[in-house]
PDB file of all heavy atoms in Angstrom:
ATOM      1  N   LEU A   1     198.844 188.072 147.716  1.00  0.00           N
ATOM      2  CA  LEU A   1     197.621 187.606 148.425  1.00  0.00           C
ATOM      3  C   LEU A   1     197.617 186.077 148.540  1.00  0.00           C
ATOM      4  O   LEU A   1     197.406 185.498 149.607  1.00  0.00           O
ATOM      5  CB  LEU A   1     196.378 188.111 147.712  1.00  0.00           C
ATOM      6  CG  LEU A   1     195.057 187.563 148.303  1.00  0.00           C
ATOM      7  CD1 LEU A   1     194.916 187.929 149.773  1.00  0.00           C
ATOM      8  CD2 LEU A   1     193.881 188.102 147.507  1.00  0.00           C
ATOM      9  N   ASP A   2     197.800 185.358 147.414  1.00  0.00           N
ATOM     10  CA  ASP A   2     197.756 183.875 147.470  1.00  0.00           C
ATOM     11  C   ASP A   2     198.818 183.290 148.394  1.00  0.00           C
ATOM     12  O   ASP A   2     198.544 182.361 149.118  1.00  0.00           O
ATOM     13  CB  ASP A   2     197.864 183.273 146.050  1.00  0.00           C
ATOM     14  CG  ASP A   2     196.590 183.444 145.251  1.00  0.00           C
ATOM     15  OD1 ASP A   2     195.563 183.547 145.811  1.00  0.00           O
ATOM     16  OD2 ASP A   2     196.700 183.492 144.018  1.00  0.00           O
ATOM     17  N   GLU A   3     200.036 183.812 148.343  1.00  0.00           N
ATOM     18  CA  GLU A   3     201.075 183.386 149.211  1.00  0.00           C
ATOM     19  C   GLU A   3     200.771 183.592 150.699  1.00  0.00           C
ATOM     20  O   GLU A   3     200.976 182.720 151.527  1.00  0.00           O
ATOM     21  CB  GLU A   3     202.412 184.081 148.896  1.00  0.00           C
ATOM     22  CG  GLU A   3     202.979 183.641 147.541  1.00  0.00           C
ATOM     23  CD  GLU A   3     204.234 184.497 147.268  1.00  0.00           C
ATOM     24  OE1 GLU A   3     205.157 184.530 148.064  1.00  0.00           O
ATOM     25  OE2 GLU A   3     204.281 185.086 146.127  1.00  0.00           O
ATOM     26  N   VAL A   4     200.175 184.722 150.997  1.00  0.00           N
ATOM     27  CA  VAL A   4     199.792 185.002 152.374  1.00  0.00           C
ATOM     28  C   VAL A   4     198.637 184.071 152.821  1.00  0.00           C
ATOM     29  O   VAL A   4     198.681 183.516 153.943  1.00  0.00           O
ATOM     30  CB  VAL A   4     199.383 186.504 152.572  1.00  0.00           C
ATOM     31  CG1 VAL A   4     198.757 186.750 153.944  1.00  0.00           C
ATOM     32  CG2 VAL A   4     200.615 187.414 152.382  1.00  0.00           C
ATOM     33  N   ARG A   5     197.699 183.891 151.980  1.00  0.00           N
ATOM     34  CA  ARG A   5     196.575 182.960 152.325  1.00  0.00           C
ATOM     35  C   ARG A   5     197.090 181.545 152.556  1.00  0.00           C
ATOM     36  O   ARG A   5     196.695 180.905 153.549  1.00  0.00           O
ATOM     37  CB  ARG A   5     195.531 182.931 151.191  1.00  0.00           C
ATOM     38  CG  ARG A   5     194.291 182.068 151.491  1.00  0.00           C
ATOM     39  CD  ARG A   5     193.394 181.963 150.288  1.00  0.00           C
ATOM     40  NE  ARG A   5     194.041 181.529 149.044  1.00  0.00           N
ATOM     41  CZ  ARG A   5     194.420 180.288 148.765  1.00  0.00           C
ATOM     42  NH1 ARG A   5     194.220 179.347 149.655  1.00  0.00           N
ATOM     43  NH2 ARG A   5     195.028 180.031 147.609  1.00  0.00           N
ATOM     44  N   GLU A   6     197.977 181.040 151.741  1.00  0.00           N
ATOM     45  CA  GLU A   6     198.543 179.727 151.962  1.00  0.00           C
ATOM     46  C   GLU A   6     199.349 179.643 153.212  1.00  0.00           C
ATOM     47  O   GLU A   6     199.346 178.663 153.953  1.00  0.00           O
ATOM     48  CB  GLU A   6     199.390 179.332 150.760  1.00  0.00           C
ATOM     49  CG  GLU A   6     198.584 179.070 149.464  1.00  0.00           C
ATOM     50  CD  GLU A   6     199.431 179.009 148.249  1.00  0.00           C
ATOM     51  OE1 GLU A   6     200.691 179.006 148.323  1.00  0.00           O
ATOM     52  OE2 GLU A   6     198.863 178.951 147.125  1.00  0.00           O
ATOM     53  N   SER A   7     200.134 180.698 153.508  1.00  0.00           N
ATOM     54  CA  SER A   7     200.947 180.719 154.700  1.00  0.00           C
ATOM     55  C   SER A   7     200.110 180.747 155.978  1.00  0.00           C
ATOM     56  O   SER A   7     200.395 180.057 156.965  1.00  0.00           O
ATOM     57  CB  SER A   7     201.883 181.962 154.674  1.00  0.00           C
ATOM     58  OG  SER A   7     202.762 181.975 155.681  1.00  0.00           O
ATOM     59  N   LEU A   8     198.967 181.483 155.926  1.00  0.00           N
ATOM     60  CA  LEU A   8     198.080 181.454 157.084  1.00  0.00           C
ATOM     61  C   LEU A   8     197.400 180.096 157.258  1.00  0.00           C
ATOM     62  O   LEU A   8     197.221 179.611 158.385  1.00  0.00           O
ATOM     63  CB  LEU A   8     196.989 182.576 156.907  1.00  0.00           C
ATOM     64  CG  LEU A   8     197.485 183.980 157.117  1.00  0.00           C
ATOM     65  CD1 LEU A   8     196.443 184.970 156.679  1.00  0.00           C
ATOM     66  CD2 LEU A   8     197.852 184.193 158.603  1.00  0.00           C
ATOM     67  N   ALA A   9     197.071 179.470 156.122  1.00  0.00           N
ATOM     68  CA  ALA A   9     196.429 178.111 156.198  1.00  0.00           C
ATOM     69  C   ALA A   9     197.409 177.101 156.827  1.00  0.00           C
ATOM     70  O   ALA A   9     196.989 176.260 157.550  1.00  0.00           O
ATOM     71  CB  ALA A   9     196.071 177.655 154.815  1.00  0.00           C
ATOM     72  N   GLU A  10     198.693 177.254 156.581  1.00  0.00           N
ATOM     73  CA  GLU A  10     199.725 176.369 157.179  1.00  0.00           C
ATOM     74  C   GLU A  10     199.728 176.483 158.696  1.00  0.00           C
ATOM     75  O   GLU A  10     200.078 175.484 159.345  1.00  0.00           O
ATOM     76  CB  GLU A  10     201.110 176.672 156.612  1.00  0.00           C
ATOM     77  CG  GLU A  10     201.262 176.240 155.187  1.00  0.00           C
ATOM     78  CD  GLU A  10     202.603 176.687 154.541  1.00  0.00           C
ATOM     79  OE1 GLU A  10     203.444 177.229 155.322  1.00  0.00           O
ATOM     80  OE2 GLU A  10     202.768 176.531 153.342  1.00  0.00           O
ATOM     81  N   VAL A  11     199.391 177.588 159.249  1.00  0.00           N
ATOM     82  CA  VAL A  11     199.370 177.761 160.740  1.00  0.00           C
ATOM     83  C   VAL A  11     197.953 177.542 161.287  1.00  0.00           C
ATOM     84  O   VAL A  11     197.708 177.779 162.435  1.00  0.00           O
ATOM     85  CB  VAL A  11     199.970 179.078 161.192  1.00  0.00           C
ATOM     86  CG1 VAL A  11     201.429 179.161 160.861  1.00  0.00           C
ATOM     87  CG2 VAL A  11     199.221 180.250 160.675  1.00  0.00           C
ATOM     88  N   GLY A  12     197.068 177.084 160.424  1.00  0.00           N
ATOM     89  CA  GLY A  12     195.742 176.647 160.918  1.00  0.00           C
ATOM     90  C   GLY A  12     194.643 177.713 160.818  1.00  0.00           C
ATOM     91  O   GLY A  12     193.552 177.602 161.370  1.00  0.00           O
ATOM     92  N   ILE A  13     194.911 178.820 160.130  1.00  0.00           N
ATOM     93  CA  ILE A  13     193.927 179.886 159.984  1.00  0.00           C
ATOM     94  C   ILE A  13     193.220 179.714 158.609  1.00  0.00           C
ATOM     95  O   ILE A  13     193.842 179.810 157.569  1.00  0.00           O
ATOM     96  CB  ILE A  13     194.555 181.265 160.102  1.00  0.00           C
ATOM     97  CG1 ILE A  13     195.147 181.394 161.499  1.00  0.00           C
ATOM     98  CG2 ILE A  13     193.546 182.376 159.800  1.00  0.00           C
ATOM     99  CD1 ILE A  13     196.067 182.601 161.681  1.00  0.00           C
ATOM    100  N   THR A  14     191.933 179.503 158.690  1.00  0.00           N
ATOM    101  CA  THR A  14     191.224 179.167 157.421  1.00  0.00           C
ATOM    102  C   THR A  14     190.294 180.258 156.976  1.00  0.00           C
ATOM    103  O   THR A  14     189.923 180.309 155.814  1.00  0.00           O
ATOM    104  CB  THR A  14     190.395 177.873 157.597  1.00  0.00           C
ATOM    105  OG1 THR A  14     189.518 178.017 158.728  1.00  0.00           O
ATOM    106  CG2 THR A  14     191.327 176.705 157.804  1.00  0.00           C
ATOM    107  N   GLY A  15     189.849 181.154 157.874  1.00  0.00           N
ATOM    108  CA  GLY A  15     188.924 182.173 157.493  1.00  0.00           C
ATOM    109  C   GLY A  15     189.592 183.576 157.506  1.00  0.00           C
ATOM    110  O   GLY A  15     190.295 183.874 158.382  1.00  0.00           O
ATOM    111  N   LEU A  16     189.315 184.302 156.427  1.00  0.00           N
ATOM    112  CA  LEU A  16     189.859 185.673 156.367  1.00  0.00           C
ATOM    113  C   LEU A  16     188.974 186.501 155.480  1.00  0.00           C
ATOM    114  O   LEU A  16     188.184 185.969 154.691  1.00  0.00           O
ATOM    115  CB  LEU A  16     191.297 185.725 155.925  1.00  0.00           C
ATOM    116  CG  LEU A  16     191.654 185.026 154.637  1.00  0.00           C
ATOM    117  CD1 LEU A  16     191.639 185.977 153.428  1.00  0.00           C
ATOM    118  CD2 LEU A  16     193.139 184.526 154.754  1.00  0.00           C
ATOM    119  N   THR A  17     189.084 187.800 155.629  1.00  0.00           N
ATOM    120  CA  THR A  17     188.369 188.769 154.790  1.00  0.00           C
ATOM    121  C   THR A  17     189.371 189.553 153.990  1.00  0.00           C
ATOM    122  O   THR A  17     190.392 189.990 154.538  1.00  0.00           O
ATOM    123  CB  THR A  17     187.504 189.714 155.648  1.00  0.00           C
ATOM    124  OG1 THR A  17     186.625 188.939 156.416  1.00  0.00           O
ATOM    125  CG2 THR A  17     186.683 190.689 154.803  1.00  0.00           C
ATOM    126  N   VAL A  18     189.109 189.736 152.705  1.00  0.00           N
ATOM    127  CA  VAL A  18     190.030 190.455 151.808  1.00  0.00           C
ATOM    128  C   VAL A  18     189.273 191.617 151.179  1.00  0.00           C
ATOM    129  O   VAL A  18     188.140 191.425 150.708  1.00  0.00           O
ATOM    130  CB  VAL A  18     190.581 189.505 150.721  1.00  0.00           C
ATOM    131  CG1 VAL A  18     191.437 190.275 149.729  1.00  0.00           C
ATOM    132  CG2 VAL A  18     191.316 188.370 151.318  1.00  0.00           C
ATOM    133  N   THR A  19     189.909 192.747 151.176  1.00  0.00           N
ATOM    134  CA  THR A  19     189.339 193.990 150.565  1.00  0.00           C
ATOM    135  C   THR A  19     190.375 194.608 149.712  1.00  0.00           C
ATOM    136  O   THR A  19     191.548 194.703 150.126  1.00  0.00           O
ATOM    137  CB  THR A  19     188.946 194.981 151.671  1.00  0.00           C
ATOM    138  OG1 THR A  19     188.124 194.321 152.653  1.00  0.00           O
ATOM    139  CG2 THR A  19     188.151 196.144 151.086  1.00  0.00           C
ATOM    140  N   GLU A  20     190.009 194.987 148.467  1.00  0.00           N
ATOM    141  CA  GLU A  20     190.910 195.758 147.633  1.00  0.00           C
ATOM    142  C   GLU A  20     190.860 197.229 148.046  1.00  0.00           C
ATOM    143  O   GLU A  20     189.813 197.802 148.156  1.00  0.00           O
ATOM    144  CB  GLU A  20     190.490 195.590 146.182  1.00  0.00           C
ATOM    145  CG  GLU A  20     190.706 194.233 145.629  1.00  0.00           C
ATOM    146  CD  GLU A  20     190.330 194.088 144.140  1.00  0.00           C
ATOM    147  OE1 GLU A  20     190.084 195.154 143.524  1.00  0.00           O
ATOM    148  OE2 GLU A  20     190.196 192.927 143.709  1.00  0.00           O
ATOM    149  N   VAL A  21     192.032 197.779 148.382  1.00  0.00           N
ATOM    150  CA  VAL A  21     192.115 199.191 148.829  1.00  0.00           C
ATOM    151  C   VAL A  21     193.205 199.901 148.045  1.00  0.00           C
ATOM    152  O   VAL A  21     193.969 199.282 147.285  1.00  0.00           O
ATOM    153  CB  VAL A  21     192.419 199.222 150.349  1.00  0.00           C
ATOM    154  CG1 VAL A  21     191.278 198.627 151.152  1.00  0.00           C
ATOM    155  CG2 VAL A  21     193.759 198.517 150.650  1.00  0.00           C
ATOM    156  N   LYS A  22     193.267 201.174 148.235  1.00  0.00           N
ATOM    157  CA  LYS A  22     194.330 202.006 147.635  1.00  0.00           C
ATOM    158  C   LYS A  22     194.940 202.871 148.741  1.00  0.00           C
ATOM    159  O   LYS A  22     194.241 203.286 149.685  1.00  0.00           O
ATOM    160  CB  LYS A  22     193.811 202.929 146.552  1.00  0.00           C
ATOM    161  CG  LYS A  22     193.325 202.185 145.354  1.00  0.00           C
ATOM    162  CD  LYS A  22     192.939 203.136 144.283  1.00  0.00           C
ATOM    163  CE  LYS A  22     192.444 202.356 143.032  1.00  0.00           C
ATOM    164  NZ  LYS A  22     192.246 203.253 141.940  1.00  0.00           N
ATOM    165  N   GLY A  23     196.253 203.123 148.622  1.00  0.00           N
ATOM    166  CA  GLY A  23     196.875 203.910 149.662  1.00  0.00           C
ATOM    167  C   GLY A  23     198.334 204.184 149.295  1.00  0.00           C
ATOM    168  O   GLY A  23     198.855 203.719 148.250  1.00  0.00           O
ATOM    169  N   PHE A  24     199.025 204.930 150.172  1.00  0.00           N
ATOM    170  CA  PHE A  24     200.424 205.132 150.048  1.00  0.00           C
ATOM    171  C   PHE A  24     201.011 205.513 151.411  1.00  0.00           C
ATOM    172  O   PHE A  24     200.311 206.012 152.280  1.00  0.00           O
ATOM    173  CB  PHE A  24     200.759 206.190 148.986  1.00  0.00           C
ATOM    174  CG  PHE A  24     200.458 207.596 149.422  1.00  0.00           C
ATOM    175  CD1 PHE A  24     201.420 208.380 150.032  1.00  0.00           C
ATOM    176  CD2 PHE A  24     199.192 208.102 149.161  1.00  0.00           C
ATOM    177  CE1 PHE A  24     201.096 209.685 150.436  1.00  0.00           C
ATOM    178  CE2 PHE A  24     198.898 209.421 149.550  1.00  0.00           C
ATOM    179  CZ  PHE A  24     199.823 210.227 150.186  1.00  0.00           C
ATOM    180  N   GLY A  25     202.282 205.267 151.513  1.00  0.00           N
ATOM    181  CA  GLY A  25     203.026 205.622 152.737  1.00  0.00           C
ATOM    182  C   GLY A  25     204.287 206.297 152.286  1.00  0.00           C
ATOM    183  O   GLY A  25     204.270 207.235 151.495  1.00  0.00           O
ATOM    184  N   ARG A  26     205.415 205.803 152.703  1.00  0.00           N
ATOM    185  CA  ARG A  26     206.699 206.335 152.289  1.00  0.00           C
ATOM    186  C   ARG A  26     206.914 206.162 150.802  1.00  0.00           C
ATOM    187  O   ARG A  26     207.652 206.871 150.176  1.00  0.00           O
ATOM    188  CB  ARG A  26     207.867 205.636 153.035  1.00  0.00           C
ATOM    189  CG  ARG A  26     207.956 206.044 154.442  1.00  0.00           C
ATOM    190  CD  ARG A  26     209.220 205.509 155.042  1.00  0.00           C
ATOM    191  NE  ARG A  26     209.088 205.551 156.477  1.00  0.00           N
ATOM    192  CZ  ARG A  26     209.610 204.635 157.260  1.00  0.00           C
ATOM    193  NH1 ARG A  26     210.228 203.606 156.775  1.00  0.00           N
ATOM    194  NH2 ARG A  26     209.419 204.730 158.570  1.00  0.00           N
ATOM    195  N   GLN A  27     206.247 205.148 150.263  1.00  0.00           N
ATOM    196  CA  GLN A  27     206.376 204.821 148.828  1.00  0.00           C
ATOM    197  C   GLN A  27     205.845 205.957 147.975  1.00  0.00           C
ATOM    198  O   GLN A  27     206.212 206.069 146.839  1.00  0.00           O
ATOM    199  CB  GLN A  27     205.550 203.554 148.565  1.00  0.00           C
ATOM    200  CG  GLN A  27     205.735 202.911 147.220  1.00  0.00           C
ATOM    201  CD  GLN A  27     204.928 201.622 147.140  1.00  0.00           C
ATOM    202  OE1 GLN A  27     204.187 201.296 148.008  1.00  0.00           O
ATOM    203  NE2 GLN A  27     205.164 200.911 146.077  1.00  0.00           N
ATOM    204  N   LYS A  28     204.988 206.823 148.565  1.00  0.00           N
ATOM    205  CA  LYS A  28     204.364 207.886 147.853  1.00  0.00           C
ATOM    206  C   LYS A  28     203.614 207.341 146.650  1.00  0.00           C
ATOM    207  O   LYS A  28     202.887 206.389 146.803  1.00  0.00           O
ATOM    208  CB  LYS A  28     205.371 208.974 147.441  1.00  0.00           C
ATOM    209  CG  LYS A  28     206.194 209.509 148.616  1.00  0.00           C
ATOM    210  CD  LYS A  28     205.536 210.625 149.318  1.00  0.00           C
ATOM    211  CE  LYS A  28     206.409 211.308 150.341  1.00  0.00           C
ATOM    212  NZ  LYS A  28     206.799 210.539 151.441  1.00  0.00           N
ATOM    213  N   GLY A  29     203.761 207.887 145.512  1.00  0.00           N
ATOM    214  CA  GLY A  29     203.135 207.406 144.300  1.00  0.00           C
ATOM    215  C   GLY A  29     204.196 207.222 143.215  1.00  0.00           C
ATOM    216  O   GLY A  29     205.373 207.088 143.517  1.00  0.00           O
TER     217      GLY A  29
END
């Protein structure tokens, strides 16, 4: 999360919404 937030800030995006979620895809459990 912190790396993504910093990377978005570098391209000029300052506002975002973050939600903690749970899920799975190919990774299964």
